[in-house]
């Protein structure tokens, strides 16, 4: 849970224009270990959160993968994430 709080702090800072922080969502390997996040203050130098370990384990889909994660702020102001959960 604390990782989600950290995620929302980064996103809130970015959305309010305070000390710009970029958040990058990614996967490693085949996506079987889940969501990874990194941050950057300049868009060039990135630092993995959680010591490079997965933040969220995949639990949905037949193959239990979390590939190609994408986070977007909707018109409703909420942040949404989608990802690929299977090869099928």
PDB file of N, CA and C in Angstrom:
ATOM      1  N   UNK A   1       0.816  -1.191   0.000  1.00  0.00           N
ATOM      2  CA  UNK A   1       0.000   0.000   0.000  1.00  0.00           C
ATOM      3  C   UNK A   1       0.863   1.260   0.000  1.00  0.00           C
ATOM      4  N   UNK A   2       1.985   1.239   0.705  1.00  0.00           N
ATOM      5  CA  UNK A   2       2.811   2.441   0.777  1.00  0.00           C
ATOM      6  C   UNK A   2       3.373   2.813  -0.584  1.00  0.00           C
ATOM      7  N   UNK A   3       3.538   1.826  -1.473  1.00  0.00           N
ATOM      8  CA  UNK A   3       4.052   2.119  -2.805  1.00  0.00           C
ATOM      9  C   UNK A   3       3.017   2.876  -3.627  1.00  0.00           C
ATOM     10  N   UNK A   4       1.745   2.573  -3.435  1.00  0.00           N
ATOM     11  CA  UNK A   4       0.706   3.305  -4.140  1.00  0.00           C
ATOM     12  C   UNK A   4       0.634   4.733  -3.644  1.00  0.00           C
ATOM     13  N   UNK A   5       0.855   4.935  -2.363  1.00  0.00           N
ATOM     14  CA  UNK A   5       0.874   6.292  -1.824  1.00  0.00           C
ATOM     15  C   UNK A   5       2.015   7.067  -2.449  1.00  0.00           C
ATOM     16  N   UNK A   6       3.183   6.453  -2.561  1.00  0.00           N
ATOM     17  CA  UNK A   6       4.327   7.088  -3.194  1.00  0.00           C
ATOM     18  C   UNK A   6       4.023   7.406  -4.651  1.00  0.00           C
ATOM     19  N   UNK A   7       3.400   6.488  -5.352  1.00  0.00           N
ATOM     20  CA  UNK A   7       3.012   6.698  -6.736  1.00  0.00           C
ATOM     21  C   UNK A   7       2.116   7.920  -6.856  1.00  0.00           C
ATOM     22  N   UNK A   8       1.108   8.031  -6.017  1.00  0.00           N
ATOM     23  CA  UNK A   8       0.183   9.148  -6.103  1.00  0.00           C
ATOM     24  C   UNK A   8       0.845  10.463  -5.711  1.00  0.00           C
ATOM     25  N   UNK A   9       1.824  10.432  -4.831  1.00  0.00           N
ATOM     26  CA  UNK A   9       2.560  11.651  -4.496  1.00  0.00           C
ATOM     27  C   UNK A   9       3.308  12.146  -5.727  1.00  0.00           C
ATOM     28  N   UNK A  10       4.000  11.243  -6.426  1.00  0.00           N
ATOM     29  CA  UNK A  10       4.710  11.634  -7.642  1.00  0.00           C
ATOM     30  C   UNK A  10       3.753  12.188  -8.683  1.00  0.00           C
ATOM     31  N   UNK A  11       2.637  11.515  -8.892  1.00  0.00           N
ATOM     32  CA  UNK A  11       1.681  11.959  -9.899  1.00  0.00           C
ATOM     33  C   UNK A  11       1.052  13.289  -9.518  1.00  0.00           C
ATOM     34  N   UNK A  12       0.784  13.493  -8.248  1.00  0.00           N
ATOM     35  CA  UNK A  12       0.205  14.748  -7.793  1.00  0.00           C
ATOM     36  C   UNK A  12       1.190  15.899  -7.992  1.00  0.00           C
ATOM     37  N   UNK A  13       2.460  15.668  -7.687  1.00  0.00           N
ATOM     38  CA  UNK A  13       3.465  16.706  -7.895  1.00  0.00           C
ATOM     39  C   UNK A  13       3.559  17.083  -9.366  1.00  0.00           C
ATOM     40  N   UNK A  14       3.526  16.088 -10.220  1.00  0.00           N
ATOM     41  CA  UNK A  14       3.621  16.357 -11.645  1.00  0.00           C
ATOM     42  C   UNK A  14       2.396  17.128 -12.130  1.00  0.00           C
ATOM     43  N   UNK A  15       1.208  16.732 -11.692  1.00  0.00           N
ATOM     44  CA  UNK A  15      -0.009  17.361 -12.181  1.00  0.00           C
ATOM     45  C   UNK A  15      -0.153  18.802 -11.688  1.00  0.00           C
ATOM     46  N   UNK A  16       0.428  19.138 -10.543  1.00  0.00           N
ATOM     47  CA  UNK A  16       0.338  20.494 -10.019  1.00  0.00           C
ATOM     48  C   UNK A  16       1.504  21.366 -10.466  1.00  0.00           C
ATOM     49  N   UNK A  17       2.454  20.795 -11.215  1.00  0.00           N
ATOM     50  CA  UNK A  17       3.569  21.577 -11.723  1.00  0.00           C
ATOM     51  C   UNK A  17       4.617  21.921 -10.684  1.00  0.00           C
ATOM     52  N   UNK A  18       4.590  21.303  -9.532  1.00  0.00           N
ATOM     53  CA  UNK A  18       5.570  21.561  -8.482  1.00  0.00           C
ATOM     54  C   UNK A  18       6.769  20.642  -8.674  1.00  0.00           C
ATOM     55  N   UNK A  19       7.957  21.213  -8.734  1.00  0.00           N
ATOM     56  CA  UNK A  19       9.160  20.388  -8.831  1.00  0.00           C
ATOM     57  C   UNK A  19       8.913  19.184  -9.735  1.00  0.00           C
ATOM     58  N   UNK A  20       8.823  19.424 -10.997  1.00  0.00           N
ATOM     59  CA  UNK A  20       8.435  18.410 -11.974  1.00  0.00           C
ATOM     60  C   UNK A  20       9.127  17.069 -11.732  1.00  0.00           C
ATOM     61  N   UNK A  21       8.317  16.036 -11.647  1.00  0.00           N
ATOM     62  CA  UNK A  21       8.797  14.669 -11.482  1.00  0.00           C
ATOM     63  C   UNK A  21       8.112  13.805 -12.527  1.00  0.00           C
ATOM     64  N   UNK A  22       8.900  12.993 -13.227  1.00  0.00           N
ATOM     65  CA  UNK A  22       8.366  12.075 -14.221  1.00  0.00           C
ATOM     66  C   UNK A  22       8.308  10.681 -13.620  1.00  0.00           C
ATOM     67  N   UNK A  23       7.269   9.952 -13.947  1.00  0.00           N
ATOM     68  CA  UNK A  23       7.113   8.582 -13.480  1.00  0.00           C
ATOM     69  C   UNK A  23       7.024   7.674 -14.697  1.00  0.00           C
ATOM     70  N   UNK A  24       7.798   6.607 -14.691  1.00  0.00           N
ATOM     71  CA  UNK A  24       7.850   5.675 -15.814  1.00  0.00           C
ATOM     72  C   UNK A  24       7.440   4.292 -15.330  1.00  0.00           C
ATOM     73  N   UNK A  25       6.447   3.709 -15.982  1.00  0.00           N
ATOM     74  CA  UNK A  25       6.015   2.355 -15.640  1.00  0.00           C
ATOM     75  C   UNK A  25       6.601   1.401 -16.675  1.00  0.00           C
ATOM     76  N   UNK A  26       7.096   0.246 -16.203  1.00  0.00           N
ATOM     77  CA  UNK A  26       7.732  -0.692 -17.118  1.00  0.00           C
ATOM     78  C   UNK A  26       7.653  -2.110 -16.576  1.00  0.00           C
ATOM     79  N   UNK A  27       8.045  -3.069 -17.415  1.00  0.00           N
ATOM     80  CA  UNK A  27       8.111  -4.460 -16.988  1.00  0.00           C
ATOM     81  C   UNK A  27       9.496  -4.989 -17.326  1.00  0.00           C
ATOM     82  N   UNK A  28       9.876  -6.077 -16.689  1.00  0.00           N
ATOM     83  CA  UNK A  28      11.148  -6.727 -16.989  1.00  0.00           C
ATOM     84  C   UNK A  28      10.879  -8.166 -17.411  1.00  0.00           C
ATOM     85  N   UNK A  29      11.825  -8.717 -18.129  1.00  0.00           N
ATOM     86  CA  UNK A  29      11.679 -10.099 -18.567  1.00  0.00           C
ATOM     87  C   UNK A  29      10.415 -10.279 -19.390  1.00  0.00           C
ATOM     88  N   UNK A  30       9.629 -11.237 -19.021  1.00  0.00           N
ATOM     89  CA  UNK A  30       8.389 -11.558 -19.716  1.00  0.00           C
ATOM     90  C   UNK A  30       7.175 -10.860 -19.098  1.00  0.00           C
ATOM     91  N   UNK A  31       7.379 -10.101 -18.037  1.00  0.00           N
ATOM     92  CA  UNK A  31       6.277  -9.438 -17.350  1.00  0.00           C
ATOM     93  C   UNK A  31       5.672 -10.271 -16.246  1.00  0.00           C
ATOM     94  N   UNK A  32       6.269 -11.416 -15.954  1.00  0.00           N
ATOM     95  CA  UNK A  32       5.704 -12.321 -14.949  1.00  0.00           C
ATOM     96  C   UNK A  32       5.886 -11.834 -13.513  1.00  0.00           C
ATOM     97  N   UNK A  33       6.822 -10.919 -13.276  1.00  0.00           N
ATOM     98  CA  UNK A  33       6.996 -10.455 -11.894  1.00  0.00           C
ATOM     99  C   UNK A  33       6.215  -9.193 -11.582  1.00  0.00           C
ATOM    100  N   UNK A  34       5.605  -8.539 -12.571  1.00  0.00           N
ATOM    101  CA  UNK A  34       4.707  -7.432 -12.291  1.00  0.00           C
ATOM    102  C   UNK A  34       5.197  -6.058 -12.680  1.00  0.00           C
ATOM    103  N   UNK A  35       4.590  -5.060 -12.061  1.00  0.00           N
ATOM    104  CA  UNK A  35       4.804  -3.655 -12.383  1.00  0.00           C
ATOM    105  C   UNK A  35       6.076  -3.110 -11.730  1.00  0.00           C
ATOM    106  N   UNK A  36       6.868  -2.416 -12.515  1.00  0.00           N
ATOM    107  CA  UNK A  36       8.058  -1.711 -12.026  1.00  0.00           C
ATOM    108  C   UNK A  36       7.857  -0.225 -12.289  1.00  0.00           C
ATOM    109  N   UNK A  37       8.401   0.614 -11.416  1.00  0.00           N
ATOM    110  CA  UNK A  37       8.301   2.063 -11.575  1.00  0.00           C
ATOM    111  C   UNK A  37       9.664   2.700 -11.384  1.00  0.00           C
ATOM    112  N   UNK A  38       9.897   3.773 -12.135  1.00  0.00           N
ATOM    113  CA  UNK A  38      11.108   4.573 -11.987  1.00  0.00           C
ATOM    114  C   UNK A  38      10.701   6.038 -12.054  1.00  0.00           C
ATOM    115  N   UNK A  39      11.521   6.909 -11.476  1.00  0.00           N
ATOM    116  CA  UNK A  39      11.229   8.334 -11.515  1.00  0.00           C
ATOM    117  C   UNK A  39      12.433   9.104 -12.027  1.00  0.00           C
ATOM    118  N   UNK A  40      12.170  10.303 -12.523  1.00  0.00           N
ATOM    119  CA  UNK A  40      13.224  11.182 -13.013  1.00  0.00           C
ATOM    120  C   UNK A  40      12.798  12.617 -12.775  1.00  0.00           C
ATOM    121  N   UNK A  41      13.749  13.459 -12.433  1.00  0.00           N
ATOM    122  CA  UNK A  41      13.460  14.880 -12.284  1.00  0.00           C
ATOM    123  C   UNK A  41      13.763  15.648 -13.566  1.00  0.00           C
ATOM    124  N   UNK A  42      14.548  15.025 -14.473  1.00  0.00           N
ATOM    125  CA  UNK A  42      14.917  15.724 -15.707  1.00  0.00           C
ATOM    126  C   UNK A  42      14.509  14.979 -16.983  1.00  0.00           C
ATOM    127  N   UNK A  43      13.947  13.786 -16.871  1.00  0.00           N
ATOM    128  CA  UNK A  43      13.552  13.015 -18.031  1.00  0.00           C
ATOM    129  C   UNK A  43      14.692  12.272 -18.700  1.00  0.00           C
ATOM    130  N   UNK A  44      15.903  12.401 -18.161  1.00  0.00           N
ATOM    131  CA  UNK A  44      17.077  11.728 -18.725  1.00  0.00           C
ATOM    132  C   UNK A  44      17.674  10.701 -17.771  1.00  0.00           C
ATOM    133  N   UNK A  45      17.728  11.032 -16.514  1.00  0.00           N
ATOM    134  CA  UNK A  45      18.315  10.158 -15.496  1.00  0.00           C
ATOM    135  C   UNK A  45      17.193   9.546 -14.674  1.00  0.00           C
ATOM    136  N   UNK A  46      17.080   8.218 -14.762  1.00  0.00           N
ATOM    137  CA  UNK A  46      15.978   7.499 -14.127  1.00  0.00           C
ATOM    138  C   UNK A  46      16.465   6.690 -12.946  1.00  0.00           C
ATOM    139  N   UNK A  47      15.619   6.596 -11.925  1.00  0.00           N
ATOM    140  CA  UNK A  47      15.943   5.869 -10.701  1.00  0.00           C
ATOM    141  C   UNK A  47      14.794   4.905 -10.393  1.00  0.00           C
ATOM    142  N   UNK A  48      15.115   3.632 -10.323  1.00  0.00           N
ATOM    143  CA  UNK A  48      14.095   2.614 -10.040  1.00  0.00           C
ATOM    144  C   UNK A  48      13.589   2.761  -8.609  1.00  0.00           C
ATOM    145  N   UNK A  49      12.290   2.639  -8.446  1.00  0.00           N
ATOM    146  CA  UNK A  49      11.689   2.625  -7.111  1.00  0.00           C
ATOM    147  C   UNK A  49      11.705   1.196  -6.579  1.00  0.00           C
ATOM    148  N   UNK A  50      11.631   1.054  -5.272  1.00  0.00           N
ATOM    149  CA  UNK A  50      11.571  -0.248  -4.616  1.00  0.00           C
ATOM    150  C   UNK A  50      12.798  -1.103  -4.936  1.00  0.00           C
ATOM    151  N   UNK A  51      13.957  -0.465  -5.052  1.00  0.00           N
ATOM    152  CA  UNK A  51      15.219  -1.166  -5.352  1.00  0.00           C
ATOM    153  C   UNK A  51      15.119  -2.016  -6.615  1.00  0.00           C
ATOM    154  N   UNK A  52      14.310  -1.577  -7.575  1.00  0.00           N
ATOM    155  CA  UNK A  52      14.167  -2.292  -8.836  1.00  0.00           C
ATOM    156  C   UNK A  52      13.281  -3.520  -8.775  1.00  0.00           C
ATOM    157  N   UNK A  53      12.681  -3.763  -7.613  1.00  0.00           N
ATOM    158  CA  UNK A  53      11.779  -4.919  -7.475  1.00  0.00           C
ATOM    159  C   UNK A  53      10.373  -4.531  -7.906  1.00  0.00           C
ATOM    160  N   UNK A  54       9.589  -5.527  -8.229  1.00  0.00           N
ATOM    161  CA  UNK A  54       8.209  -5.314  -8.649  1.00  0.00           C
ATOM    162  C   UNK A  54       7.407  -4.609  -7.562  1.00  0.00           C
ATOM    163  N   UNK A  55       6.528  -3.685  -7.993  1.00  0.00           N
ATOM    164  CA  UNK A  55       5.664  -2.972  -7.060  1.00  0.00           C
ATOM    165  C   UNK A  55       4.325  -3.681  -6.873  1.00  0.00           C
ATOM    166  N   UNK A  56       3.851  -4.319  -7.944  1.00  0.00           N
ATOM    167  CA  UNK A  56       2.556  -5.009  -7.919  1.00  0.00           C
ATOM    168  C   UNK A  56       2.713  -6.315  -8.689  1.00  0.00           C
ATOM    169  N   UNK A  57       2.305  -7.406  -8.090  1.00  0.00           N
ATOM    170  CA  UNK A  57       2.362  -8.715  -8.760  1.00  0.00           C
ATOM    171  C   UNK A  57       1.124  -8.895  -9.633  1.00  0.00           C
ATOM    172  N   UNK A  58       1.282  -9.476 -10.812  1.00  0.00           N
ATOM    173  CA  UNK A  58       0.126  -9.707 -11.674  1.00  0.00           C
ATOM    174  C   UNK A  58      -0.769 -10.815 -11.126  1.00  0.00           C
ATOM    175  N   UNK A  59      -2.069 -10.569 -11.109  1.00  0.00           N
ATOM    176  CA  UNK A  59      -3.008 -11.560 -10.579  1.00  0.00           C
ATOM    177  C   UNK A  59      -4.174 -11.827 -11.525  1.00  0.00           C
ATOM    178  N   UNK A  60      -4.246 -11.114 -12.641  1.00  0.00           N
ATOM    179  CA  UNK A  60      -5.357 -11.308 -13.573  1.00  0.00           C
ATOM    180  C   UNK A  60      -4.858 -11.900 -14.878  1.00  0.00           C
ATOM    181  N   UNK A  61      -5.773 -12.473 -15.633  1.00  0.00           N
ATOM    182  CA  UNK A  61      -5.444 -13.065 -16.923  1.00  0.00           C
ATOM    183  C   UNK A  61      -4.973 -14.492 -16.789  1.00  0.00           C
ATOM    184  N   UNK A  62      -5.084 -15.200 -17.864  1.00  0.00           N
ATOM    185  CA  UNK A  62      -4.700 -16.613 -17.880  1.00  0.00           C
ATOM    186  C   UNK A  62      -3.202 -16.811 -17.634  1.00  0.00           C
ATOM    187  N   UNK A  63      -2.377 -15.943 -18.230  1.00  0.00           N
ATOM    188  CA  UNK A  63      -0.922 -16.102 -18.119  1.00  0.00           C
ATOM    189  C   UNK A  63      -0.307 -15.353 -16.938  1.00  0.00           C
ATOM    190  N   UNK A  64      -1.114 -14.567 -16.217  1.00  0.00           N
ATOM    191  CA  UNK A  64      -0.639 -13.802 -15.048  1.00  0.00           C
ATOM    192  C   UNK A  64       0.602 -12.965 -15.394  1.00  0.00           C
ATOM    193  N   UNK A  65       0.479 -12.157 -16.457  1.00  0.00           N
ATOM    194  CA  UNK A  65       1.552 -11.264 -16.874  1.00  0.00           C
ATOM    195  C   UNK A  65       1.132  -9.819 -16.659  1.00  0.00           C
ATOM    196  N   UNK A  66       2.112  -8.946 -16.540  1.00  0.00           N
ATOM    197  CA  UNK A  66       1.861  -7.511 -16.477  1.00  0.00           C
ATOM    198  C   UNK A  66       2.876  -6.845 -17.406  1.00  0.00           C
ATOM    199  N   UNK A  67       2.526  -6.846 -18.697  1.00  0.00           N
ATOM    200  CA  UNK A  67       3.399  -6.284 -19.734  1.00  0.00           C
ATOM    201  C   UNK A  67       2.829  -4.957 -20.217  1.00  0.00           C
ATOM    202  N   UNK A  68       3.719  -4.100 -20.692  1.00  0.00           N
ATOM    203  CA  UNK A  68       3.333  -2.832 -21.317  1.00  0.00           C
ATOM    204  C   UNK A  68       2.432  -1.973 -20.432  1.00  0.00           C
ATOM    205  N   UNK A  69       2.763  -1.775 -19.165  1.00  0.00           N
ATOM    206  CA  UNK A  69       1.899  -0.958 -18.305  1.00  0.00           C
ATOM    207  C   UNK A  69       1.879   0.492 -18.783  1.00  0.00           C
ATOM    208  N   UNK A  70       0.707   1.094 -18.719  1.00  0.00           N
ATOM    209  CA  UNK A  70       0.528   2.475 -19.164  1.00  0.00           C
ATOM    210  C   UNK A  70      -0.374   3.192 -18.171  1.00  0.00           C
ATOM    211  N   UNK A  71       0.088   4.329 -17.666  1.00  0.00           N
ATOM    212  CA  UNK A  71      -0.671   5.120 -16.702  1.00  0.00           C
ATOM    213  C   UNK A  71      -1.065   6.427 -17.367  1.00  0.00           C
ATOM    214  N   UNK A  72      -2.338   6.792 -17.232  1.00  0.00           N
ATOM    215  CA  UNK A  72      -2.863   7.994 -17.864  1.00  0.00           C
ATOM    216  C   UNK A  72      -3.831   8.680 -16.912  1.00  0.00           C
ATOM    217  N   UNK A  73      -3.774  10.000 -16.880  1.00  0.00           N
ATOM    218  CA  UNK A  73      -4.756  10.746 -16.097  1.00  0.00           C
ATOM    219  C   UNK A  73      -5.952  11.030 -16.991  1.00  0.00           C
ATOM    220  N   UNK A  74      -7.117  10.604 -16.551  1.00  0.00           N
ATOM    221  CA  UNK A  74      -8.328  10.795 -17.324  1.00  0.00           C
ATOM    222  C   UNK A  74      -8.910  12.184 -17.146  1.00  0.00           C
ATOM    223  N   UNK A  75      -9.890  12.504 -17.954  1.00  0.00           N
ATOM    224  CA  UNK A  75     -10.572  13.800 -17.852  1.00  0.00           C
ATOM    225  C   UNK A  75     -11.254  13.974 -16.502  1.00  0.00           C
ATOM    226  N   UNK A  76     -11.518  12.845 -15.840  1.00  0.00           N
ATOM    227  CA  UNK A  76     -12.135  12.887 -14.514  1.00  0.00           C
ATOM    228  C   UNK A  76     -11.133  13.219 -13.413  1.00  0.00           C
ATOM    229  N   UNK A  77      -9.841  13.367 -13.785  1.00  0.00           N
ATOM    230  CA  UNK A  77      -8.801  13.687 -12.806  1.00  0.00           C
ATOM    231  C   UNK A  77      -8.194  12.466 -12.148  1.00  0.00           C
ATOM    232  N   UNK A  78      -8.796  11.306 -12.354  1.00  0.00           N
ATOM    233  CA  UNK A  78      -8.271  10.070 -11.774  1.00  0.00           C
ATOM    234  C   UNK A  78      -7.193   9.487 -12.686  1.00  0.00           C
ATOM    235  N   UNK A  79      -6.266   8.756 -12.079  1.00  0.00           N
ATOM    236  CA  UNK A  79      -5.235   8.072 -12.843  1.00  0.00           C
ATOM    237  C   UNK A  79      -5.683   6.641 -13.090  1.00  0.00           C
ATOM    238  N   UNK A  80      -5.473   6.173 -14.300  1.00  0.00           N
ATOM    239  CA  UNK A  80      -5.879   4.835 -14.710  1.00  0.00           C
ATOM    240  C   UNK A  80      -4.654   4.108 -15.259  1.00  0.00           C
ATOM    241  N   UNK A  81      -4.605   2.802 -15.050  1.00  0.00           N
ATOM    242  CA  UNK A  81      -3.517   2.007 -15.601  1.00  0.00           C
ATOM    243  C   UNK A  81      -4.089   0.825 -16.356  1.00  0.00           C
ATOM    244  N   UNK A  82      -3.528   0.566 -17.522  1.00  0.00           N
ATOM    245  CA  UNK A  82      -3.874  -0.610 -18.314  1.00  0.00           C
ATOM    246  C   UNK A  82      -2.576  -1.337 -18.620  1.00  0.00           C
ATOM    247  N   UNK A  83      -2.683  -2.656 -18.879  1.00  0.00           N
ATOM    248  CA  UNK A  83      -1.521  -3.450 -19.219  1.00  0.00           C
ATOM    249  C   UNK A  83      -1.969  -4.690 -19.981  1.00  0.00           C
ATOM    250  N   UNK A  84      -1.022  -5.341 -20.612  1.00  0.00           N
ATOM    251  CA  UNK A  84      -1.272  -6.606 -21.300  1.00  0.00           C
ATOM    252  C   UNK A  84      -1.115  -7.720 -20.290  1.00  0.00           C
ATOM    253  N   UNK A  85      -2.109  -8.611 -20.211  1.00  0.00           N
ATOM    254  CA  UNK A  85      -2.094  -9.645 -19.184  1.00  0.00           C
ATOM    255  C   UNK A  85      -1.898 -11.047 -19.737  1.00  0.00           C
ATOM    256  N   UNK A  86      -1.795 -11.188 -21.051  1.00  0.00           N
ATOM    257  CA  UNK A  86      -1.673 -12.519 -21.620  1.00  0.00           C
ATOM    258  C   UNK A  86      -1.119 -12.424 -23.023  1.00  0.00           C
ATOM    259  N   UNK A  87      -0.685 -13.532 -23.558  1.00  0.00           N
ATOM    260  CA  UNK A  87      -0.239 -13.594 -24.940  1.00  0.00           C
ATOM    261  C   UNK A  87      -1.405 -13.851 -25.878  1.00  0.00           C
ATOM    262  N   UNK A  88      -2.567 -14.190 -25.339  1.00  0.00           N
ATOM    263  CA  UNK A  88      -3.730 -14.520 -26.171  1.00  0.00           C
ATOM    264  C   UNK A  88      -4.707 -13.360 -26.238  1.00  0.00           C
TER     265      UNK A  88
END
